[in-house]
Amino acid sequence: MEGKDWPSCMKCSQGVLIPLSDYGRDGASIMYKAWVCSNPECGFNLRIDNGEISLGRVIGQSNK
């Protein structure tokens, strides 16, 4: 997916939503586990954990 194809952030209308991937417990790749706004002042994020969608969680550094 190219940057020009990323959806606009509907919260701030200035950034685009960038997809992030992760690895599951068994090491399997999870494509697009989260989407974050490219505008650092906005901070909007959408995340999938165990099949549930979370909106707007505080973004921070991982301790892992």
C-alpha atoms as a PDB file:
ATOM      1  CA  MET A   1       0.000   0.000   0.000  1.00  0.00           C
ATOM      2  CA  GLU A   2       1.535   3.313  -1.010  1.00  0.00           C
ATOM      3  CA  GLY A   3       1.292   6.420   1.186  1.00  0.00           C
ATOM      4  CA  LYS A   4      -1.082   8.117  -1.211  1.00  0.00           C
ATOM      5  CA  ASP A   5      -3.528   5.244  -0.704  1.00  0.00           C
ATOM      6  CA  TRP A   6      -3.656   5.533   3.089  1.00  0.00           C
ATOM      7  CA  PRO A   7      -6.960   6.801   4.506  1.00  0.00           C
ATOM      8  CA  SER A   8      -7.169  10.337   5.841  1.00  0.00           C
ATOM      9  CA  CYS A   9      -7.521  10.742   9.593  1.00  0.00           C
ATOM     10  CA  MET A  10     -11.130  11.667  10.249  1.00  0.00           C
ATOM     11  CA  LYS A  11     -10.250  13.085  13.679  1.00  0.00           C
ATOM     12  CA  CYS A  12      -7.801  15.818  12.621  1.00  0.00           C
ATOM     13  CA  SER A  13      -8.155  15.844   8.788  1.00  0.00           C
ATOM     14  CA  GLN A  14      -4.442  16.714   8.541  1.00  0.00           C
ATOM     15  CA  GLY A  15      -2.728  13.331   8.843  1.00  0.00           C
ATOM     16  CA  VAL A  16      -3.156   9.945   7.234  1.00  0.00           C
ATOM     17  CA  LEU A  17      -3.644   6.641   9.008  1.00  0.00           C
ATOM     18  CA  ILE A  18      -0.489   4.528   8.815  1.00  0.00           C
ATOM     19  CA  PRO A  19      -0.804   0.757   9.288  1.00  0.00           C
ATOM     20  CA  LEU A  20       1.447  -1.049  11.777  1.00  0.00           C
ATOM     21  CA  SER A  21       2.057  -4.783  11.980  1.00  0.00           C
ATOM     22  CA  ASP A  22       3.093  -7.000  14.899  1.00  0.00           C
ATOM     23  CA  TYR A  23       3.699 -10.605  15.848  1.00  0.00           C
ATOM     24  CA  GLY A  24       1.285 -12.812  17.772  1.00  0.00           C
ATOM     25  CA  ARG A  25       2.079 -14.993  20.788  1.00  0.00           C
ATOM     26  CA  ASP A  26       3.102 -17.894  18.564  1.00  0.00           C
ATOM     27  CA  GLY A  27       5.299 -15.687  16.377  1.00  0.00           C
ATOM     28  CA  ALA A  28       2.814 -15.433  13.506  1.00  0.00           C
ATOM     29  CA  SER A  29       2.780 -12.136  11.645  1.00  0.00           C
ATOM     30  CA  ILE A  30      -0.290  -9.949  12.232  1.00  0.00           C
ATOM     31  CA  MET A  31      -0.718  -7.514   9.366  1.00  0.00           C
ATOM     32  CA  TYR A  32      -2.254  -4.132  10.178  1.00  0.00           C
ATOM     33  CA  LYS A  33      -2.721  -4.765  13.891  1.00  0.00           C
ATOM     34  CA  ALA A  34      -2.899  -1.023  14.487  1.00  0.00           C
ATOM     35  CA  TRP A  35      -3.428   2.208  12.572  1.00  0.00           C
ATOM     36  CA  VAL A  36      -1.983   5.504  13.820  1.00  0.00           C
ATOM     37  CA  CYS A  37      -2.342   9.072  12.592  1.00  0.00           C
ATOM     38  CA  SER A  38       0.795  10.508  10.983  1.00  0.00           C
ATOM     39  CA  ASN A  39       0.089  13.887  12.631  1.00  0.00           C
ATOM     40  CA  PRO A  40       1.927  13.730  16.000  1.00  0.00           C
ATOM     41  CA  GLU A  41      -0.341  16.407  17.476  1.00  0.00           C
ATOM     42  CA  CYS A  42      -3.437  14.295  16.768  1.00  0.00           C
ATOM     43  CA  GLY A  43      -2.473  10.982  18.367  1.00  0.00           C
ATOM     44  CA  PHE A  44      -5.482   9.052  17.013  1.00  0.00           C
ATOM     45  CA  ASN A  45      -4.962   5.296  16.946  1.00  0.00           C
ATOM     46  CA  LEU A  46      -6.995   2.178  16.323  1.00  0.00           C
ATOM     47  CA  ARG A  47      -5.785  -1.223  17.500  1.00  0.00           C
ATOM     48  CA  ILE A  48      -6.932  -4.842  17.423  1.00  0.00           C
ATOM     49  CA  ASP A  49      -6.189  -7.028  20.472  1.00  0.00           C
ATOM     50  CA  ASN A  50      -7.560 -10.557  20.747  1.00  0.00           C
ATOM     51  CA  GLY A  51     -10.268  -9.720  18.226  1.00  0.00           C
ATOM     52  CA  GLU A  52     -11.416  -6.570  20.033  1.00  0.00           C
ATOM     53  CA  ILE A  53     -10.994  -3.061  18.631  1.00  0.00           C
ATOM     54  CA  SER A  54      -9.536  -0.347  20.874  1.00  0.00           C
ATOM     55  CA  LEU A  55      -9.756   3.352  19.981  1.00  0.00           C
ATOM     56  CA  GLY A  56      -7.601   6.172  21.247  1.00  0.00           C
ATOM     57  CA  ARG A  57      -5.320   4.356  23.673  1.00  0.00           C
ATOM     58  CA  VAL A  58      -2.336   6.383  24.896  1.00  0.00           C
ATOM     59  CA  ILE A  59       0.666   5.745  22.656  1.00  0.00           C
ATOM     60  CA  GLY A  60       3.974   5.180  24.375  1.00  0.00           C
ATOM     61  CA  GLN A  61       7.224   3.243  24.282  1.00  0.00           C
ATOM     62  CA  SER A  62       7.085  -0.516  24.815  1.00  0.00           C
ATOM     63  CA  ASN A  63       9.046  -1.967  27.713  1.00  0.00           C
ATOM     64  CA  LYS A  64       9.863  -5.055  25.649  1.00  0.00           C
END
